[in-house]
Amino acid sequence: MEYSPFLPEVKENPYPYYADLRQHAPVYPIPDTGLWAISRYDEVLYVFKNPQLFSSSAFFPMIFGDLNPFPPQAPPMISCDPPDHTRLRKLVNRAFTPRRIASLESHIGEVVRQLIEQMATHSTCDLVRDFSAPLPVIVMAELLGVEPERQQDFKRWTNDIIFATQVMGLTSTDRARILQSIADFRAYFEAAIVRYRRHPGDNLVSDLVRAEEENQTLTADEVLTMAVFLLLAGNETTTNLIGSAVVALLAHPQQLAKVRANPALIRQAVEETLRYESPIQLIPRQTTQDVEIAETVIPAGSLVLPLIGSANRDGRIFPDPDRFDITRDTEGHLAFSFGIHYCLGAQLARLEGKIALQALLARFSHLARRDDLVTLVESAFVRGPKTLPLTFA
């Protein structure tokens, strides 16, 4: 089978292509692109375990091109290699602690309740538009210290910047709007950084600007980069996780019945969704030298695509991998990557997903799709429903 992550038929359903790659070409040079696809679990894990061989520097340039929202002198942590990555991760970990994430549970629950009650005033909804998309934006905006009156601006900037990663062949109007949103977003946070340096608050930007370890501080550009990065990573993963979980549960009534009968299984449903429909399907890397992997030599300087979505469907690790089963052992799935670049916001995404599913199933005894066709996000990198019309009662 001809594979490229940019083909429409692959975006629609990549899993048969992944299975073919795993069986016949676990290290596959994608024709006419200069890209190499890595599809088996063990080899994908090898890439993540060896950042000295597979640099992260190509990550955001490949995704954003010339619409990169980050200051050029301060690339995001996920695009950095050691020792820069090590310094940034240590500093940011001081602000992004498990205790802070756990403290958000009641607040996330309140945001979820408000969104669900707004939906419940109608008999139908678009779950993405009305629930799974606004939820992480609201949570992240408040976590970063964005004033309530500016959250609509924050949502608009978020939507435009994420749009830049999802749509091929942007129009000149699209590009102008995205560039303006990037400029507005930067200007807002540059002013916020100055304000919170003078008058710290109980928010993540204040934590970042005062984060200090081994006498090293984050520069203003690095704080700005971290704010943009948290916005993007926290939004896209959670939105797609919630939407894909609902799609999978509705498509598998027996699994949905298990969750309704035993809400304690919701945590496992979240993990199985992360494995079964990984919100991030691939993460670009670049070889720092000639690398032999699966008896294939990849030349130095090559762009490599570790296929997370394929690794998580590898039957060598997850038996009967194309079956959605909330009772399976999902330990070791790579939805949040692995090693030094393990997702900083993994626990927040899990928490939001768990609370969202609990509340939806508790509030609505009946959920059904209004349309059998799932309209997916237009991206080679992420996967999830773009729209999800539902009826409920």
Protein backbone atom coordinates (compact mmCIF):
# COMPACT_ATOMS: atom_id res chain seq x y z
CA MET A 1 0.00 0.00 0.00
CA GLU A 2 1.27 3.47 -0.84
CA TYR A 3 1.67 5.39 2.43
CA SER A 4 2.03 9.07 3.13
CA PRO A 5 0.52 10.83 6.16
CA PHE A 6 -0.59 13.62 3.81
CA LEU A 7 -2.82 11.46 1.58
CA PRO A 8 -6.56 12.09 2.20
CA GLU A 9 -7.32 8.36 2.39
CA VAL A 10 -4.60 7.90 5.01
CA LYS A 11 -5.88 10.80 7.10
CA GLU A 12 -9.36 9.27 6.92
CA ASN A 13 -8.23 5.85 8.17
CA PRO A 14 -4.49 5.30 8.66
CA TYR A 15 -4.76 1.97 10.47
CA PRO A 16 -4.74 -0.44 7.48
CA TYR A 17 -1.69 1.44 6.19
CA TYR A 18 0.00 1.18 9.57
CA ALA A 19 -0.62 -2.58 9.67
CA ASP A 20 0.88 -2.96 6.19
CA LEU A 21 3.94 -0.93 7.17
CA ARG A 22 4.49 -2.90 10.37
CA GLN A 23 4.38 -6.16 8.45
CA HIS A 24 6.29 -5.26 5.31
CA ALA A 25 8.27 -2.04 5.82
CA PRO A 26 8.77 -1.05 9.49
CA VAL A 27 11.24 1.61 8.33
CA TYR A 28 9.72 3.11 5.20
CA PRO A 29 11.11 5.88 2.97
CA ILE A 30 8.02 7.84 1.92
CA PRO A 31 8.34 8.48 -1.84
CA ASP A 32 9.11 12.01 -3.02
CA THR A 33 9.21 13.48 0.50
CA GLY A 34 12.58 12.66 2.06
CA LEU A 35 10.65 11.40 5.11
CA TRP A 36 11.05 8.04 6.84
CA ALA A 37 8.08 6.42 8.61
CA ILE A 38 8.78 4.24 11.66
CA SER A 39 5.77 2.04 12.42
CA ARG A 40 6.53 -0.74 14.93
CA TYR A 41 6.30 -0.17 18.67
CA ASP A 42 9.86 -1.23 19.50
CA GLU A 43 11.40 1.00 16.85
CA VAL A 44 9.22 4.00 17.74
CA LEU A 45 10.21 3.53 21.38
CA TYR A 46 13.87 3.35 20.30
CA VAL A 47 13.55 6.74 18.59
CA PHE A 48 12.05 8.32 21.72
CA LYS A 49 14.67 6.72 23.98
CA ASN A 50 17.60 8.08 21.96
CA PRO A 51 17.33 11.87 21.57
CA GLN A 52 21.07 12.02 20.86
CA LEU A 53 20.37 10.16 17.60
CA PHE A 54 16.96 11.65 16.82
CA SER A 55 16.83 15.41 17.34
CA SER A 56 13.58 17.21 18.16
CA SER A 57 14.62 20.40 16.40
CA ALA A 58 12.47 19.68 13.34
CA PHE A 59 9.23 19.36 15.29
CA PHE A 60 7.54 22.74 15.04
CA PRO A 61 9.21 24.01 11.85
CA MET A 62 7.70 21.02 10.05
CA ILE A 63 4.25 21.51 11.56
CA PHE A 64 3.99 25.30 11.26
CA GLY A 65 6.33 26.23 8.40
CA ASP A 66 6.59 30.02 8.14
CA LEU A 67 3.59 30.48 10.48
CA ASN A 68 5.60 29.43 13.51
CA PRO A 69 4.09 31.28 16.51
CA PHE A 70 7.20 30.96 18.69
CA PRO A 71 9.94 33.58 19.08
CA PRO A 72 12.84 32.39 16.89
CA GLN A 73 15.35 32.87 19.70
CA ALA A 74 13.32 30.70 22.10
CA PRO A 75 12.06 27.48 20.50
CA PRO A 76 9.56 25.45 22.53
CA MET A 77 10.85 22.80 24.89
CA ILE A 78 9.50 20.01 22.70
CA SER A 79 11.74 21.27 19.87
CA CYS A 80 14.86 21.44 22.06
CA ASP A 81 17.54 18.84 22.69
CA PRO A 82 19.72 18.52 25.78
CA PRO A 83 21.23 20.50 27.42
CA ASP A 84 18.68 23.27 26.59
CA HIS A 85 15.79 20.86 27.03
CA THR A 86 17.14 19.67 30.39
CA ARG A 87 17.36 23.23 31.73
CA LEU A 88 13.90 24.20 30.52
CA ARG A 89 12.24 21.02 31.74
CA LYS A 90 13.70 21.41 35.24
CA LEU A 91 12.50 24.97 35.48
CA VAL A 92 9.03 24.31 34.12
CA ASN A 93 8.55 21.24 36.30
CA ARG A 94 8.78 23.58 39.29
CA ALA A 95 5.65 25.36 38.08
CA PHE A 96 3.73 22.47 36.50
CA THR A 97 3.56 20.15 39.50
CA PRO A 98 1.21 17.18 40.07
CA ARG A 99 -0.11 19.03 43.12
CA ARG A 100 -1.14 22.01 40.99
CA ILE A 101 -2.85 19.74 38.46
CA ALA A 102 -4.70 17.84 41.21
CA SER A 103 -5.86 21.15 42.69
CA LEU A 104 -7.65 21.92 39.41
CA GLU A 105 -10.08 18.99 39.71
CA SER A 106 -12.97 20.89 41.31
CA HIS A 107 -12.54 23.83 38.95
CA ILE A 108 -12.49 21.58 35.87
CA GLY A 109 -15.63 19.92 37.20
CA GLU A 110 -17.36 23.30 37.46
CA VAL A 111 -16.36 24.30 33.90
CA VAL A 112 -17.62 20.93 32.64
CA ARG A 113 -20.92 21.35 34.51
CA GLN A 114 -21.50 24.80 33.05
CA LEU A 115 -20.79 23.64 29.50
CA ILE A 116 -23.06 20.61 29.87
CA GLU A 117 -25.92 22.69 31.29
CA GLN A 118 -25.62 25.07 28.34
CA MET A 119 -25.82 22.06 25.98
CA ALA A 120 -28.78 20.61 27.87
CA THR A 121 -30.97 23.60 27.00
CA HIS A 122 -31.19 22.10 23.49
CA SER A 123 -32.00 18.60 22.24
CA THR A 124 -28.94 18.42 20.01
CA CYS A 125 -25.37 19.67 20.09
CA ASP A 126 -22.05 19.55 18.33
CA LEU A 127 -19.93 18.00 21.07
CA VAL A 128 -16.69 19.44 19.68
CA ARG A 129 -17.96 22.99 19.22
CA ASP A 130 -19.99 23.10 22.42
CA PHE A 131 -17.92 21.01 24.81
CA SER A 132 -14.63 19.31 23.96
CA ALA A 133 -13.07 22.33 22.23
CA PRO A 134 -13.97 25.09 24.72
CA LEU A 135 -13.21 23.02 27.84
CA PRO A 136 -9.39 22.86 27.58
CA VAL A 137 -9.20 26.45 26.28
CA ILE A 138 -11.10 27.75 29.33
CA VAL A 139 -9.05 25.62 31.74
CA MET A 140 -5.71 26.57 30.19
CA ALA A 141 -6.64 30.26 29.97
CA GLU A 142 -7.41 30.36 33.69
CA LEU A 143 -4.34 28.27 34.51
CA LEU A 144 -2.17 30.79 32.67
CA GLY A 145 -3.85 33.76 34.39
CA VAL A 146 -5.86 35.14 31.47
CA GLU A 147 -8.55 37.49 32.76
CA PRO A 148 -12.16 36.28 32.21
CA GLU A 149 -12.93 39.26 30.00
CA ARG A 150 -10.06 38.30 27.65
CA GLN A 151 -10.93 34.61 27.34
CA GLN A 152 -12.88 35.10 24.11
CA ASP A 153 -9.78 36.71 22.60
CA PHE A 154 -7.72 33.83 23.94
CA LYS A 155 -10.07 31.31 22.34
CA ARG A 156 -9.94 33.11 18.99
CA TRP A 157 -6.13 33.23 19.03
CA THR A 158 -6.06 29.55 19.97
CA ASN A 159 -8.39 28.53 17.16
CA ASP A 160 -6.42 30.48 14.56
CA ILE A 161 -3.01 29.15 15.62
CA ILE A 162 -4.27 25.55 15.68
CA PHE A 163 -5.96 26.09 12.32
CA ALA A 164 -2.51 26.79 10.89
CA THR A 165 -1.46 23.20 11.71
CA GLN A 166 -4.57 21.53 10.31
CA VAL A 167 -5.33 22.96 6.90
CA MET A 168 -3.20 22.48 3.80
CA GLY A 169 -3.17 25.27 1.23
CA LEU A 170 -4.13 28.22 3.43
CA THR A 171 -5.61 31.20 1.62
CA SER A 172 -4.02 34.65 1.87
CA THR A 173 -6.95 35.69 4.07
CA ASP A 174 -6.34 32.73 6.37
CA ARG A 175 -2.64 33.55 6.60
CA ALA A 176 -3.30 37.20 7.40
CA ARG A 177 -5.77 36.27 10.15
CA ILE A 178 -3.38 33.70 11.67
CA LEU A 179 -0.43 36.10 11.62
CA GLN A 180 -2.57 38.78 13.32
CA SER A 181 -3.66 36.31 16.00
CA ILE A 182 -0.04 35.30 16.61
CA ALA A 183 0.93 38.96 16.95
CA ASP A 184 -1.98 39.69 19.31
CA PHE A 185 -1.27 36.59 21.39
CA ARG A 186 2.40 37.52 21.76
CA ALA A 187 1.58 41.12 22.64
CA TYR A 188 -0.89 40.02 25.31
CA PHE A 189 1.53 37.63 26.99
CA GLU A 190 4.51 39.96 26.71
CA ALA A 191 2.49 42.50 28.69
CA ALA A 192 1.26 39.81 31.10
CA ILE A 193 4.83 38.66 31.78
CA VAL A 194 5.87 42.20 32.69
CA ARG A 195 2.78 42.58 34.91
CA TYR A 196 3.28 39.29 36.72
CA ARG A 197 6.98 39.96 37.29
CA ARG A 198 5.95 43.07 39.22
CA HIS A 199 2.83 41.64 40.86
CA PRO A 200 2.84 37.80 40.88
CA GLY A 201 -0.52 36.05 41.02
CA ASP A 202 -1.75 32.53 41.61
CA ASN A 203 -1.30 31.36 38.03
CA LEU A 204 1.12 29.46 35.84
CA VAL A 205 2.67 32.50 34.15
CA SER A 206 3.59 33.91 37.56
CA ASP A 207 5.06 30.53 38.47
CA LEU A 208 7.07 30.46 35.26
CA VAL A 209 8.49 33.96 35.58
CA ARG A 210 9.74 33.26 39.09
CA ALA A 211 10.83 29.70 38.37
CA GLU A 212 14.47 29.37 39.31
CA GLU A 213 16.78 26.44 39.78
CA GLU A 214 20.56 26.35 39.84
CA ASN A 215 20.52 30.15 39.47
CA GLN A 216 18.91 29.92 36.05
CA THR A 217 15.68 31.69 35.20
CA LEU A 218 13.40 31.59 32.20
CA THR A 219 13.76 34.57 29.89
CA ALA A 220 10.70 36.55 28.86
CA ASP A 221 10.84 34.90 25.42
CA GLU A 222 11.02 31.46 27.02
CA VAL A 223 8.00 32.22 29.21
CA LEU A 224 6.14 33.45 26.13
CA THR A 225 7.12 30.27 24.25
CA MET A 226 5.95 28.10 27.13
CA ALA A 227 2.58 29.89 27.25
CA VAL A 228 2.04 29.32 23.51
CA PHE A 229 3.19 25.72 23.77
CA LEU A 230 0.90 24.90 26.70
CA LEU A 231 -1.98 26.50 24.85
CA LEU A 232 -1.43 24.33 21.77
CA ALA A 233 -0.51 21.05 23.44
CA GLY A 234 -3.14 21.31 26.16
CA ASN A 235 -5.91 22.21 23.75
CA GLU A 236 -5.46 19.78 20.90
CA THR A 237 -4.78 16.63 22.91
CA THR A 238 -7.72 17.04 25.28
CA THR A 239 -10.22 18.06 22.59
CA ASN A 240 -9.38 15.06 20.44
CA LEU A 241 -9.25 12.68 23.41
CA ILE A 242 -12.77 13.57 24.56
CA GLY A 243 -14.25 13.54 21.06
CA SER A 244 -12.61 10.24 20.11
CA ALA A 245 -13.67 8.63 23.40
CA VAL A 246 -17.32 9.50 22.76
CA VAL A 247 -17.11 8.27 19.15
CA ALA A 248 -15.53 4.98 20.26
CA LEU A 249 -17.99 4.36 23.10
CA LEU A 250 -21.01 5.05 20.90
CA ALA A 251 -19.59 2.73 18.23
CA HIS A 252 -19.12 -0.02 20.83
CA PRO A 253 -22.38 -0.22 22.84
CA GLN A 254 -21.15 -3.10 25.01
CA GLN A 255 -18.17 -1.04 26.13
CA LEU A 256 -20.43 1.94 26.81
CA ALA A 257 -22.73 -0.29 28.87
CA LYS A 258 -19.75 -1.42 30.96
CA VAL A 259 -18.80 2.17 31.70
CA ARG A 260 -22.36 3.15 32.58
CA ALA A 261 -22.64 0.15 34.89
CA ASN A 262 -19.29 0.86 36.53
CA PRO A 263 -18.11 4.51 36.29
CA ALA A 264 -14.79 3.48 37.83
CA LEU A 265 -13.95 2.13 34.35
CA ILE A 266 -13.91 5.66 32.92
CA ARG A 267 -10.23 6.02 33.75
CA GLN A 268 -9.52 2.87 31.74
CA ALA A 269 -11.75 4.12 28.91
CA VAL A 270 -9.57 7.23 28.72
CA GLU A 271 -6.39 5.14 28.50
CA GLU A 272 -7.85 2.81 25.87
CA THR A 273 -8.93 5.82 23.80
CA LEU A 274 -5.41 7.22 24.01
CA ARG A 275 -4.11 3.91 22.66
CA TYR A 276 -6.87 3.18 20.14
CA GLU A 277 -7.20 6.68 18.64
CA SER A 278 -4.01 8.45 19.67
CA PRO A 279 -4.70 12.22 19.59
CA ILE A 280 -1.14 12.83 18.33
CA GLN A 281 -0.43 10.40 15.50
CA LEU A 282 3.20 11.23 14.81
CA ILE A 283 6.04 13.43 16.09
CA PRO A 284 8.81 14.48 13.67
CA ARG A 285 12.47 13.86 14.50
CA GLN A 286 15.72 14.41 12.59
CA THR A 287 18.67 12.02 12.58
CA THR A 288 21.92 13.49 13.90
CA GLN A 289 24.03 10.80 12.17
CA ASP A 290 23.56 7.70 10.06
CA VAL A 291 21.31 5.41 12.13
CA GLU A 292 20.58 1.73 11.56
CA ILE A 293 17.15 0.69 12.72
CA ALA A 294 15.31 -2.54 11.83
CA GLU A 295 18.19 -3.46 9.50
CA THR A 296 17.75 -0.23 7.55
CA VAL A 297 20.22 2.67 7.52
CA ILE A 298 18.65 6.12 7.71
CA PRO A 299 21.10 8.82 6.56
CA ALA A 300 22.18 11.69 8.81
CA GLY A 301 19.94 14.73 8.57
CA SER A 302 16.85 12.74 7.54
CA LEU A 303 13.40 13.64 8.81
CA VAL A 304 11.90 10.68 10.65
CA LEU A 305 8.24 10.17 11.55
CA PRO A 306 7.73 7.87 14.56
CA LEU A 307 4.11 6.79 14.06
CA ILE A 308 2.59 6.82 17.54
CA GLY A 309 -0.79 5.80 16.16
CA SER A 310 0.80 2.72 14.58
CA ALA A 311 2.92 1.79 17.61
CA ASN A 312 -0.21 1.82 19.76
CA ARG A 313 -1.87 -0.64 17.35
CA ASP A 314 1.09 -3.06 17.27
CA GLY A 315 -0.24 -6.52 18.03
CA ARG A 316 3.13 -7.59 19.40
CA ILE A 317 2.45 -5.31 22.38
CA PHE A 318 -1.36 -4.99 22.41
CA PRO A 319 -3.10 -8.23 21.36
CA ASP A 320 -6.04 -7.83 18.97
CA PRO A 321 -5.03 -4.16 18.64
CA ASP A 322 -7.89 -3.01 16.41
CA ARG A 323 -10.46 -3.95 19.06
CA PHE A 324 -11.62 -1.18 21.41
CA ASP A 325 -11.60 -2.79 24.85
CA ILE A 326 -11.70 -0.66 27.98
CA THR A 327 -10.67 -3.61 30.15
CA ARG A 328 -7.39 -4.28 28.32
CA ASP A 329 -3.95 -3.58 29.80
CA THR A 330 -2.84 -0.36 28.09
CA GLU A 331 0.34 0.05 30.09
CA GLY A 332 3.18 1.27 27.90
CA HIS A 333 1.10 3.06 25.26
CA LEU A 334 2.97 5.94 23.66
CA ALA A 335 0.15 8.48 23.25
CA PHE A 336 2.10 10.97 25.37
CA SER A 337 5.49 10.01 23.89
CA PHE A 338 8.26 8.64 26.11
CA GLY A 339 11.49 9.66 27.78
CA ILE A 340 12.71 13.23 28.08
CA HIS A 341 9.87 14.55 25.92
CA TYR A 342 7.07 12.75 27.77
CA CYS A 343 4.11 15.13 27.62
CA LEU A 344 4.22 17.74 30.37
CA GLY A 345 0.43 18.03 30.34
CA ALA A 346 -0.38 14.29 30.29
CA GLN A 347 -1.96 14.29 33.73
CA LEU A 348 -4.02 17.40 32.96
CA ALA A 349 -5.34 15.82 29.73
CA ARG A 350 -6.19 12.61 31.60
CA LEU A 351 -7.95 14.56 34.35
CA GLU A 352 -9.99 16.64 31.91
CA GLY A 353 -10.91 13.54 29.91
CA LYS A 354 -12.01 11.60 33.00
CA ILE A 355 -14.11 14.45 34.43
CA ALA A 356 -15.67 15.21 31.03
CA LEU A 357 -16.75 11.61 30.37
CA GLN A 358 -18.03 11.14 33.92
CA ALA A 359 -20.19 14.23 33.66
CA LEU A 360 -21.52 13.50 30.16
CA LEU A 361 -22.59 9.95 31.05
CA ALA A 362 -24.06 11.02 34.39
CA ARG A 363 -26.07 13.90 32.88
CA PHE A 364 -27.37 12.14 29.74
CA SER A 365 -28.88 8.68 29.92
CA HIS A 366 -29.05 8.58 26.14
CA LEU A 367 -26.42 9.80 23.69
CA ALA A 368 -26.57 9.13 19.95
CA ARG A 369 -24.83 10.28 16.81
CA ARG A 370 -26.85 12.44 14.44
CA ASP A 371 -24.58 11.50 11.53
CA ASP A 372 -22.78 8.22 10.92
CA LEU A 373 -19.95 10.01 9.10
CA VAL A 374 -17.24 11.41 11.36
CA THR A 375 -15.73 14.64 10.04
CA LEU A 376 -12.11 14.51 11.15
CA VAL A 377 -9.59 17.23 11.90
CA GLU A 378 -7.72 18.04 8.69
CA SER A 379 -4.23 17.14 9.84
CA ALA A 380 -1.51 14.57 9.24
CA PHE A 381 -0.25 15.03 12.79
CA VAL A 382 -3.33 14.87 15.03
CA ARG A 383 -6.49 12.78 14.95
CA GLY A 384 -9.95 13.43 16.28
CA PRO A 385 -13.43 14.51 15.23
CA LYS A 386 -13.71 18.02 13.84
CA THR A 387 -17.45 18.00 14.39
CA LEU A 388 -19.57 15.53 16.38
CA PRO A 389 -23.34 16.20 16.15
CA LEU A 390 -25.23 14.38 18.92
CA THR A 391 -28.74 13.99 20.24
CA PHE A 392 -29.23 13.35 23.92
CA ALA A 393 -31.78 12.90 26.67
